[in-house]
Structures are given as C-alpha cells and as structure tokens.
C-alpha cells in the first residue's frame, strides 16, 4: 500500500515494481504521487472542443440539446433547427445554421491565418506558474482530439484536420512543463446521450455511444492505449463513471500505463474520481477538497468560471482573490490544484482568463524568495522534521531523514484507501 507522500519520505514511480500485472495487488504497488507532482502544486487544463461552437450554457450542450424544453434544446431549435434534422454531429461535419452561416468546429493555426497558436497557449501556462498542463483530449461527446485509428470522429479526419493533442503536447513540453491528458469518455456510452434516438450507421452509433456493451468497453480501453502510446502523458486524468467499466479493463489500463512508464523511465500519475483507489492512483476532488490536511496526496480540479467548464457567450469568472484562496487552501492541505480555462472555438483564450492566470503567478513569485505554497511539513517530536534534522533533536526514535515509517515523524491523519471500484465522499459534480 502506498503510504505517506511527503517531501521527507517521497516514493518515486521508478522505485516501484519493474513490471505490473492487471491485478489490484500489483497496480496498488505503484507509488501514486511522485516528487515532481507533489512539488508542482499548480497545473492548468482546458475544456475546448466541438461543444465550444454553440457556446451556450455549458459543455453538456451535446446531451441537453436532446432534452425537449431545456434551454439548450430551445436555443438549438431557434439557432440551428430541430435536433432530429440538425444533429450534434453537424457541428463536427459542418452545416449551415438557420441564418445561413456555415458552422463547424474547425480552428485554424495562426500560421494558416487562424487564431489558434498552441505555442502561445503553452507560454501563457508557463508564465502563469503552472508545472503541468494539457487538454481535455476527449469529453463525453465522443470526439477525439488526436489522430485516432479507432475513432473516426477525431480532429484529424474532420474539422480542424489537425492532431490537436500532438500540437498541445509538443508546445507544452517545449516550455518544460509536464503533460496532463484529460479523458471523460466513460460517460459517453453510460448515459450522456440517453435521449439521442437510435442511429442508422455503425459510425454514428460509435459517436453517440450506441455500440454493443462489449464494443464500447473495448473502445474505451483502445482510446486510452492510443493516448499512452502516441503521447506518453505524465498524467492521465479520468472523469467519473469508471465503475461502469469492466474491472478487468480498468486493471488492464493501469497495468499497461504503469508498465509503459517503466519502459519510458518516467514517473507518471493516474487520477480518478471513482472506480480506482488511492493506493496506486491519485484521488481527484472537484470544486473543493477535504476539510483538513489529508494523505495520501490528492488533487482538485476547478473551473475559472462558476457556470461552465467550456466557453459560453457571456461567461463569468471567479475573482482572482477567490482563485488564489482556493490554491492556497488546496496546497495547505497536501493537495494540488488544477484550474480549467475555457478557450473559444477558434482557439482564442479570452483576455479575462489570461488576466486571472497571470495574476496567480504574480502571487506565486511575490517577495524576494517567491511565495509558492508549500506542502505542510512533517512534525518530529513536536518540532518540524527539518528543524529536528538541523539540530539533531529527535529523541528516542529513528533519525527523521529516513523516518517515513518512524513513530516520531507523524503526518496528519490518513484518509483510508478506497476499495477498488469506489471513492470517498463527496461525490463529484459531473462536467
């Protein structure tokens, strides 16, 4: 079982087993939070995709447009047409809206005359003080933002004609940041499109999560393998509903990712909201965190907006003060914070979001030594472990530098590990 994850006794992924098998007993031996992750404190990810085109209410537009009488449904009928005649995949393939304007998710690179510049995005993340960053590579809508061989509904075969994940990965790593890849595809076929009528072709059934259960489960796994093999992410972040995935496939994913990391000689992180456990992976809260300091190390994701995770017309933002308070609170309780930004469909990051991000780094770098939040220190016989080491005062117990299991070096209360297939409260708010 993974134990305390503090600077004084950090476990490294490369210190774990040299290989993993698809069993809980094996994958639970993976050290969940390597030192670079604990030191990072702050990363950035972003909801940007086909759902950014309607830019209405929130990123669940693809689902809610099919709920008769919903705000999204009323808007869709007014702006585009009846969902039965103007379905969600028209935003992917391209079609005229009611005004005659051609509508499609098809951002163009700035070098090709468009507004999207992945290098500019990565520079902003670095300037904001982030240590890791990356995209939502696939949301619940089933659209892959990479050059997928298993899913024809992807950003190379349609719209952008670009491998967006590759562009993001290369730009982010060029700035010295770690790459996080966010995947939300478990819900694609476990409820997201429940109001979409049966589709006439296998391709459309794939997009709308209407293949057979076995086919959908395999597709879930195959997409993860493509991302792992093609982009070597440092963090794979997954959204809710993993308990609906066969346990064998969840274990195959973890074993494959961890084995690949051994081959790459990299320390990697797998996060979860449900369906995994905190022995070998990192639990992710959403828009919150524990009431007090907690181990093992954890993560929270939050959006720069209280109303939506993707860009919408008229989107509002949390204040800089609120975002800073959240960051300080999360880090002080032994966690990392992952704020989400919401770029526009064409690849523009609105100025209000830029201002907040750059305001965060002003805080992180304030003062002569900077003010980057620190993980709480261990205590050793009533004094800090570092002070005990400096003064050689650690009576009647082991020296603190090696006392990860020593009775004198005590971290705060530990959160119990979750059983496979479960997660601690509070339940995440889906996004």
Protein backbone atom coordinates (compact mmCIF):
# COMPACT_ATOMS: atom_id res chain seq x y z
CA UNK A 1 0.00 0.00 0.00
CA UNK A 2 1.27 3.48 -0.80
CA UNK A 3 1.99 5.36 2.41
CA UNK A 4 2.75 8.96 3.41
CA UNK A 5 3.59 11.11 0.42
CA UNK A 6 5.58 13.97 1.85
CA UNK A 7 8.92 15.56 0.96
CA UNK A 8 10.63 13.75 3.81
CA UNK A 9 9.60 10.32 2.54
CA UNK A 10 8.61 10.60 -1.07
CA UNK A 11 8.05 7.50 -3.12
CA UNK A 12 9.11 7.54 -6.76
CA UNK A 13 7.34 5.66 -9.52
CA UNK A 14 10.72 4.38 -10.68
CA UNK A 15 11.22 2.99 -7.16
CA UNK A 16 8.16 0.81 -7.66
CA UNK A 17 7.99 -2.61 -9.29
CA UNK A 18 9.81 -3.21 -12.56
CA UNK A 19 6.61 -4.57 -14.06
CA UNK A 20 2.91 -4.71 -13.30
CA UNK A 21 0.17 -7.25 -13.87
CA UNK A 22 -3.55 -6.42 -14.21
CA UNK A 23 -4.44 -7.18 -10.59
CA UNK A 24 -5.16 -4.82 -7.71
CA UNK A 25 -2.36 -6.43 -5.71
CA UNK A 26 0.09 -5.42 -8.44
CA UNK A 27 -1.11 -1.97 -9.55
CA UNK A 28 -1.60 -0.92 -5.92
CA UNK A 29 2.20 -1.12 -5.60
CA UNK A 30 2.57 1.85 -7.95
CA UNK A 31 3.60 4.95 -5.98
CA UNK A 32 0.76 7.31 -6.84
CA UNK A 33 2.30 10.76 -6.43
CA UNK A 34 5.94 11.18 -7.49
CA UNK A 35 8.04 14.03 -6.16
CA UNK A 36 7.63 16.21 -9.26
CA UNK A 37 3.85 16.02 -8.86
CA UNK A 38 3.97 16.96 -5.19
CA UNK A 39 6.29 19.86 -5.93
CA UNK A 40 4.15 21.10 -8.81
CA UNK A 41 1.22 22.42 -6.75
CA UNK A 42 -0.45 24.00 -9.76
CA UNK A 43 -1.42 22.86 -13.26
CA UNK A 44 -3.82 24.03 -15.97
CA UNK A 45 -6.18 22.16 -18.26
CA UNK A 46 -8.89 23.26 -20.64
CA UNK A 47 -12.28 22.25 -22.00
CA UNK A 48 -12.07 23.07 -25.68
CA UNK A 49 -13.79 21.16 -28.44
CA UNK A 50 -16.89 20.76 -30.57
CA UNK A 51 -19.11 21.86 -27.66
CA UNK A 52 -17.30 25.24 -27.76
CA UNK A 53 -19.04 26.07 -31.06
CA UNK A 54 -22.59 26.58 -29.78
CA UNK A 55 -21.04 28.29 -26.73
CA UNK A 56 -24.32 28.03 -24.86
CA UNK A 57 -24.96 27.21 -21.16
CA UNK A 58 -22.14 24.68 -20.67
CA UNK A 59 -20.15 21.78 -22.11
CA UNK A 60 -23.10 19.40 -21.72
CA UNK A 61 -24.79 21.06 -24.70
CA UNK A 62 -24.45 17.84 -26.80
CA UNK A 63 -26.56 15.98 -24.25
CA UNK A 64 -29.01 18.65 -23.23
CA UNK A 65 -29.92 19.77 -26.76
CA UNK A 66 -31.85 16.49 -26.99
CA UNK A 67 -33.91 17.18 -23.83
CA UNK A 68 -37.15 18.70 -25.07
CA UNK A 69 -37.87 22.02 -23.38
CA UNK A 70 -34.37 22.52 -21.98
CA UNK A 71 -32.61 25.84 -22.52
CA UNK A 72 -30.20 24.12 -24.88
CA UNK A 73 -33.00 22.46 -26.80
CA UNK A 74 -34.88 25.73 -27.22
CA UNK A 75 -31.71 27.52 -28.29
CA UNK A 76 -30.78 24.76 -30.73
CA UNK A 77 -34.18 24.75 -32.38
CA UNK A 78 -34.01 28.54 -32.73
CA UNK A 79 -30.41 28.82 -33.95
CA UNK A 80 -29.91 25.57 -35.89
CA UNK A 81 -33.09 23.53 -36.21
CA UNK A 82 -34.75 20.52 -34.69
CA UNK A 83 -32.13 18.12 -33.28
CA UNK A 84 -33.62 15.33 -35.40
CA UNK A 85 -32.83 17.36 -38.54
CA UNK A 86 -29.75 19.24 -37.28
CA UNK A 87 -27.98 16.73 -35.01
CA UNK A 88 -24.91 17.32 -32.87
CA UNK A 89 -22.57 15.77 -35.44
CA UNK A 90 -23.35 18.69 -37.76
CA UNK A 91 -21.02 20.73 -35.55
CA UNK A 92 -18.32 18.20 -36.48
CA UNK A 93 -19.02 17.75 -40.19
CA UNK A 94 -20.15 21.32 -40.74
CA UNK A 95 -23.56 22.66 -41.80
CA UNK A 96 -25.40 25.94 -42.21
CA UNK A 97 -27.33 27.27 -39.25
CA UNK A 98 -30.74 28.90 -39.64
CA UNK A 99 -29.15 32.22 -40.63
CA UNK A 100 -27.18 30.54 -43.42
CA UNK A 101 -23.85 30.78 -41.60
CA UNK A 102 -21.61 27.74 -42.01
CA UNK A 103 -20.94 26.28 -38.57
CA UNK A 104 -18.18 23.80 -37.69
CA UNK A 105 -15.51 23.11 -35.12
CA UNK A 106 -12.53 23.89 -37.34
CA UNK A 107 -9.94 26.09 -35.59
CA UNK A 108 -7.05 27.14 -37.80
CA UNK A 109 -3.47 27.69 -36.78
CA UNK A 110 -2.32 31.28 -36.64
CA UNK A 111 0.35 30.36 -39.18
CA UNK A 112 -2.50 29.45 -41.55
CA UNK A 113 -4.42 32.65 -40.94
CA UNK A 114 -6.41 31.48 -37.91
CA UNK A 115 -6.46 32.40 -34.23
CA UNK A 116 -5.07 29.20 -32.68
CA UNK A 117 -1.43 29.19 -31.55
CA UNK A 118 -0.53 26.24 -29.27
CA UNK A 119 2.86 27.76 -28.53
CA UNK A 120 1.21 30.93 -27.28
CA UNK A 121 -1.08 28.85 -25.07
CA UNK A 122 1.88 26.95 -23.62
CA UNK A 123 3.77 30.17 -22.99
CA UNK A 124 0.78 31.52 -21.09
CA UNK A 125 0.65 28.39 -18.93
CA UNK A 126 4.37 28.67 -18.17
CA UNK A 127 4.06 32.39 -17.49
CA UNK A 128 1.18 31.63 -15.09
CA UNK A 129 3.42 29.40 -12.99
CA UNK A 130 1.91 26.06 -13.96
CA UNK A 131 4.12 22.99 -13.74
CA UNK A 132 1.84 20.75 -15.81
CA UNK A 133 -0.80 21.45 -18.43
CA UNK A 134 -2.84 19.79 -21.14
CA UNK A 135 -6.17 19.41 -22.89
CA UNK A 136 -9.39 17.56 -22.50
CA UNK A 137 -8.49 15.04 -25.18
CA UNK A 138 -12.00 13.61 -25.30
CA UNK A 139 -15.10 14.75 -23.49
CA UNK A 140 -18.37 12.87 -23.03
CA UNK A 141 -19.33 13.78 -26.59
CA UNK A 142 -17.06 11.07 -28.07
CA UNK A 143 -14.89 13.39 -30.19
CA UNK A 144 -11.16 12.56 -30.06
CA UNK A 145 -8.76 15.50 -30.27
CA UNK A 146 -5.99 13.31 -31.67
CA UNK A 147 -5.19 11.22 -34.73
CA UNK A 148 -7.20 8.21 -33.67
CA UNK A 149 -7.21 4.95 -35.58
CA UNK A 150 -10.08 3.52 -33.53
CA UNK A 151 -12.40 6.53 -33.66
CA UNK A 152 -13.06 8.25 -36.99
CA UNK A 153 -14.72 11.11 -35.10
CA UNK A 154 -11.43 12.87 -34.49
CA UNK A 155 -9.71 16.18 -35.14
CA UNK A 156 -7.52 14.90 -37.97
CA UNK A 157 -10.27 13.23 -40.01
CA UNK A 158 -12.72 16.10 -39.57
CA UNK A 159 -12.98 19.87 -38.99
CA UNK A 160 -9.55 21.10 -37.84
CA UNK A 161 -7.62 18.48 -39.86
CA UNK A 162 -5.01 18.79 -37.09
CA UNK A 163 -3.68 16.45 -34.42
CA UNK A 164 -4.58 18.86 -31.64
CA UNK A 165 -3.24 16.68 -28.83
CA UNK A 166 0.12 16.44 -30.61
CA UNK A 167 0.29 20.21 -31.05
CA UNK A 168 -0.54 20.77 -27.38
CA UNK A 169 1.85 18.09 -26.14
CA UNK A 170 4.82 19.36 -28.14
CA UNK A 171 4.21 23.00 -27.22
CA UNK A 172 3.72 22.28 -23.51
CA UNK A 173 6.80 20.10 -23.22
CA UNK A 174 8.86 22.66 -25.13
CA UNK A 175 8.19 25.02 -22.21
CA UNK A 176 9.48 22.46 -19.72
CA UNK A 177 6.04 21.51 -18.37
CA UNK A 178 4.65 18.05 -17.75
CA UNK A 179 1.72 16.89 -19.89
CA UNK A 180 -1.68 16.08 -18.43
CA UNK A 181 -4.27 14.46 -20.70
CA UNK A 182 -7.88 14.52 -19.57
CA UNK A 183 -10.35 11.85 -20.73
CA UNK A 184 -14.07 11.85 -19.96
CA UNK A 185 -15.18 9.09 -22.31
CA UNK A 186 -16.54 6.56 -19.80
CA UNK A 187 -19.79 8.52 -19.65
CA UNK A 188 -20.13 8.70 -23.44
CA UNK A 189 -21.83 5.30 -23.57
CA UNK A 190 -23.15 5.09 -20.00
CA UNK A 191 -25.77 7.82 -20.08
CA UNK A 192 -24.60 11.01 -21.77
CA UNK A 193 -26.58 10.52 -24.97
CA UNK A 194 -29.55 8.76 -23.42
CA UNK A 195 -32.08 10.96 -25.28
CA UNK A 196 -30.44 10.57 -28.71
CA UNK A 197 -32.52 8.32 -30.98
CA UNK A 198 -31.02 5.14 -32.42
CA UNK A 199 -28.56 5.91 -35.20
CA UNK A 200 -28.61 4.29 -38.67
CA UNK A 201 -24.88 3.61 -39.14
CA UNK A 202 -22.16 1.96 -37.08
CA UNK A 203 -20.08 5.14 -37.28
CA UNK A 204 -22.85 7.30 -35.81
CA UNK A 205 -23.59 4.66 -33.19
CA UNK A 206 -19.95 4.88 -32.18
CA UNK A 207 -20.13 8.66 -31.72
CA UNK A 208 -23.35 8.51 -29.73
CA UNK A 209 -22.35 5.57 -27.53
CA UNK A 210 -24.79 3.10 -29.09
CA UNK A 211 -22.50 0.19 -29.94
CA UNK A 212 -22.82 -3.06 -28.05
CA UNK A 213 -21.60 -3.06 -24.48
CA UNK A 214 -18.53 -5.15 -25.31
CA UNK A 215 -17.64 -2.92 -28.26
CA UNK A 216 -17.95 0.24 -26.18
CA UNK A 217 -15.87 -1.20 -23.36
CA UNK A 218 -13.11 -2.17 -25.76
CA UNK A 219 -13.24 1.23 -27.42
CA UNK A 220 -12.80 2.90 -24.02
CA UNK A 221 -9.61 0.90 -23.49
CA UNK A 222 -8.33 1.29 -27.05
CA UNK A 223 -8.58 5.08 -26.86
CA UNK A 224 -6.51 5.09 -23.67
CA UNK A 225 -3.85 2.92 -25.28
CA UNK A 226 -3.64 5.26 -28.25
CA UNK A 227 -3.08 8.23 -25.97
CA UNK A 228 -0.49 6.35 -23.91
CA UNK A 229 1.45 5.04 -26.91
CA UNK A 230 1.22 8.16 -29.02
CA UNK A 231 1.77 10.94 -26.47
CA UNK A 232 3.35 9.44 -23.31
CA UNK A 233 1.34 11.61 -20.89
CA UNK A 234 2.80 12.34 -17.48
CA UNK A 235 -0.72 12.42 -16.00
CA UNK A 236 -3.84 10.67 -17.23
CA UNK A 237 -6.88 12.29 -15.63
CA UNK A 238 -10.21 10.50 -15.91
CA UNK A 239 -13.71 11.68 -15.14
CA UNK A 240 -16.48 9.78 -13.41
CA UNK A 241 -18.34 6.51 -14.15
CA UNK A 242 -15.32 4.22 -14.18
CA UNK A 243 -17.25 1.68 -12.07
CA UNK A 244 -19.34 1.12 -15.21
CA UNK A 245 -16.18 -0.10 -16.97
CA UNK A 246 -15.39 -3.78 -16.56
CA UNK A 247 -12.90 -4.22 -13.72
CA UNK A 248 -10.61 -6.26 -15.98
CA UNK A 249 -10.33 -3.37 -18.43
CA UNK A 250 -9.63 -0.85 -15.68
CA UNK A 251 -6.85 -3.09 -14.42
CA UNK A 252 -5.50 -3.63 -17.93
CA UNK A 253 -5.35 0.16 -18.39
CA UNK A 254 -3.45 0.72 -15.14
CA UNK A 255 -1.01 -2.12 -15.73
CA UNK A 256 -0.36 -1.02 -19.31
CA UNK A 257 0.19 2.63 -18.38
CA UNK A 258 2.46 1.80 -15.45
CA UNK A 259 4.47 -0.71 -17.50
CA UNK A 260 4.93 1.83 -20.28
CA UNK A 261 6.12 4.36 -17.71
CA UNK A 262 8.75 1.89 -16.54
CA UNK A 263 9.89 1.49 -20.15
CA UNK A 264 10.00 5.30 -20.56
CA UNK A 265 11.77 5.64 -17.18
CA UNK A 266 9.14 8.20 -16.19
CA UNK A 267 7.19 8.87 -13.02
CA UNK A 268 3.51 9.03 -14.03
CA UNK A 269 0.22 9.78 -12.30
CA UNK A 270 -3.22 8.27 -12.87
CA UNK A 271 -6.07 10.23 -11.29
CA UNK A 272 -9.67 9.19 -10.70
CA UNK A 273 -13.00 10.28 -9.27
CA UNK A 274 -14.35 6.75 -8.88
CA UNK A 275 -13.55 3.19 -9.90
CA UNK A 276 -9.84 3.14 -8.90
CA UNK A 277 -8.23 3.58 -5.47
CA UNK A 278 -5.71 5.81 -3.73
CA UNK A 279 -3.12 3.10 -3.20
CA UNK A 280 -1.70 3.40 -6.71
CA UNK A 281 -3.58 6.41 -8.11
CA UNK A 282 -4.45 9.95 -7.01
CA UNK A 283 -8.00 10.86 -5.98
CA UNK A 284 -9.40 14.00 -7.63
CA UNK A 285 -11.92 16.15 -5.82
CA UNK A 286 -13.96 18.62 -7.86
CA UNK A 287 -14.50 22.28 -6.93
CA UNK A 288 -13.38 21.55 -3.40
CA UNK A 289 -11.32 19.30 -1.20
CA UNK A 290 -11.03 17.80 2.28
CA UNK A 291 -11.75 19.79 5.41
CA UNK A 292 -8.23 19.32 6.75
CA UNK A 293 -4.77 18.14 5.79
CA UNK A 294 -5.02 14.70 4.20
CA UNK A 295 -2.74 11.97 2.97
CA UNK A 296 -2.17 10.36 0.53
CA UNK A 297 -1.51 13.27 -1.78
CA UNK A 298 -4.59 14.40 -3.72
CA UNK A 299 -5.76 16.72 -6.48
CA UNK A 300 -8.68 19.02 -7.09
CA UNK A 301 -9.90 20.43 -10.38
CA UNK A 302 -11.92 23.62 -10.61
CA UNK A 303 -13.03 25.91 -13.40
CA UNK A 304 -12.17 29.54 -13.84
CA UNK A 305 -15.93 30.01 -14.20
CA UNK A 306 -18.68 29.04 -11.77
CA UNK A 307 -21.18 28.44 -14.57
CA UNK A 308 -19.39 26.39 -17.21
CA UNK A 309 -16.26 24.41 -17.95
CA UNK A 310 -16.25 25.44 -21.62
CA UNK A 311 -16.51 28.86 -23.23
CA UNK A 312 -20.01 30.26 -23.46
CA UNK A 313 -21.25 33.62 -24.62
CA UNK A 314 -21.36 35.90 -21.57
CA UNK A 315 -19.27 33.56 -19.40
CA UNK A 316 -18.39 34.95 -15.97
CA UNK A 317 -15.28 34.27 -13.93
CA UNK A 318 -14.30 33.78 -10.33
CA UNK A 319 -12.29 36.67 -8.91
CA UNK A 320 -8.52 36.41 -8.75
CA UNK A 321 -8.81 36.53 -4.97
CA UNK A 322 -11.13 33.51 -4.97
CA UNK A 323 -8.79 31.52 -7.21
CA UNK A 324 -5.79 32.37 -5.01
CA UNK A 325 -7.68 31.39 -1.86
CA UNK A 326 -8.55 28.07 -3.49
CA UNK A 327 -4.94 27.42 -4.47
CA UNK A 328 -3.61 28.22 -1.01
CA UNK A 329 -6.29 26.11 0.66
CA UNK A 330 -5.65 23.05 -1.54
CA UNK A 331 -1.88 23.16 -1.21
CA UNK A 332 -2.01 23.76 2.56
CA UNK A 333 -3.98 20.53 2.89
CA UNK A 334 -1.46 18.41 0.94
CA UNK A 335 -3.06 18.66 -2.50
CA UNK A 336 -2.51 20.10 -5.96
CA UNK A 337 -4.87 22.43 -7.78
CA UNK A 338 -5.84 22.03 -11.43
CA UNK A 339 -7.84 25.04 -12.68
CA UNK A 340 -9.62 24.79 -16.00
CA UNK A 341 -9.80 27.55 -18.60
CA UNK A 342 -12.32 27.85 -21.42
CA UNK A 343 -10.92 28.87 -24.84
CA UNK A 344 -13.22 30.00 -27.62
CA UNK A 345 -13.93 27.64 -30.52
CA UNK A 346 -11.48 29.43 -32.84
CA UNK A 347 -8.59 28.99 -30.38
CA UNK A 348 -8.71 32.39 -28.69
CA UNK A 349 -8.15 32.50 -24.92
CA UNK A 350 -10.26 35.42 -23.69
CA UNK A 351 -8.39 38.29 -22.05
CA UNK A 352 -10.29 37.92 -18.76
CA UNK A 353 -8.96 34.39 -18.36
CA UNK A 354 -5.43 35.46 -19.21
CA UNK A 355 -5.61 38.20 -16.58
CA UNK A 356 -6.60 35.75 -13.86
CA UNK A 357 -3.84 33.27 -14.77
CA UNK A 358 -1.16 35.94 -14.81
CA UNK A 359 -2.48 37.29 -11.52
CA UNK A 360 -1.85 33.90 -9.96
CA UNK A 361 1.80 33.95 -10.97
CA UNK A 362 2.14 37.46 -9.53
CA UNK A 363 1.28 35.89 -6.19
CA UNK A 364 3.48 32.82 -6.70
CA UNK A 365 6.51 34.99 -7.42
CA UNK A 366 5.83 37.79 -4.90
CA UNK A 367 8.59 38.68 -2.46
CA UNK A 368 12.32 38.08 -2.64
CA UNK A 369 12.07 34.29 -2.38
CA UNK A 370 8.68 33.87 -4.01
CA UNK A 371 5.54 32.77 -2.27
CA UNK A 372 4.76 29.45 -3.97
CA UNK A 373 2.65 27.49 -1.50
CA UNK A 374 4.43 24.66 0.25
CA UNK A 375 3.27 21.22 1.30
CA UNK A 376 2.80 21.11 5.10
CA UNK A 377 5.89 19.85 6.91
CA UNK A 378 6.04 16.68 8.98
CA UNK A 379 6.48 17.07 12.69
CA UNK A 380 9.06 15.17 14.67
CA UNK A 381 8.60 15.00 18.44
CA UNK A 382 6.66 18.23 18.36
CA UNK A 383 9.01 20.22 16.08
CA UNK A 384 9.32 20.31 12.32
CA UNK A 385 11.23 17.42 10.78
CA UNK A 386 13.62 19.85 9.08
CA UNK A 387 14.36 21.56 12.41
CA UNK A 388 14.88 18.19 14.08
CA UNK A 389 17.39 17.24 11.40
CA UNK A 390 19.22 20.55 11.71
CA UNK A 391 19.53 20.32 15.49
CA UNK A 392 19.82 16.54 15.80
CA UNK A 393 16.92 16.62 18.24
CA UNK A 394 14.77 13.61 17.64
CA UNK A 395 14.88 11.76 20.99
CA UNK A 396 14.13 8.07 21.37
CA UNK A 397 13.39 7.39 17.72
CA UNK A 398 14.95 6.99 14.30
CA UNK A 399 16.59 9.95 12.53
CA UNK A 400 13.90 11.91 10.75
CA UNK A 401 15.51 11.90 7.27
CA UNK A 402 14.75 8.18 6.96
CA UNK A 403 11.72 8.02 9.19
CA UNK A 404 8.97 7.59 6.66
CA UNK A 405 7.68 4.79 8.89
CA UNK A 406 9.20 6.07 12.12
CA UNK A 407 6.90 6.68 15.09
CA UNK A 408 8.43 10.12 15.64
CA UNK A 409 7.74 11.59 12.21
CA UNK A 410 3.99 11.82 12.05
CA UNK A 411 1.93 13.15 9.15
CA UNK A 412 -1.66 14.29 9.68
CA UNK A 413 -4.45 11.75 9.75
CA UNK A 414 -4.59 9.46 6.76
CA UNK A 415 -7.63 9.09 4.56
CA UNK A 416 -8.46 5.37 4.29
CA UNK A 417 -7.69 3.83 0.91
CA UNK A 418 -10.72 3.32 -1.23
CA UNK A 419 -11.81 -0.15 -2.17
CA UNK A 420 -11.50 -0.98 -5.84
CA UNK A 421 -14.45 0.46 -7.67
CA UNK A 422 -15.31 3.05 -5.04
CA UNK A 423 -14.28 6.54 -3.98
CA UNK A 424 -14.66 8.67 -0.85
CA UNK A 425 -17.30 11.34 -0.49
CA UNK A 426 -18.10 13.92 -1.66
CA UNK A 427 -19.39 12.67 -4.98
CA UNK A 428 -18.02 14.70 -7.90
CA UNK A 429 -20.21 17.07 -9.84
CA UNK A 430 -20.07 15.78 -13.44
CA UNK A 431 -18.62 18.04 -16.10
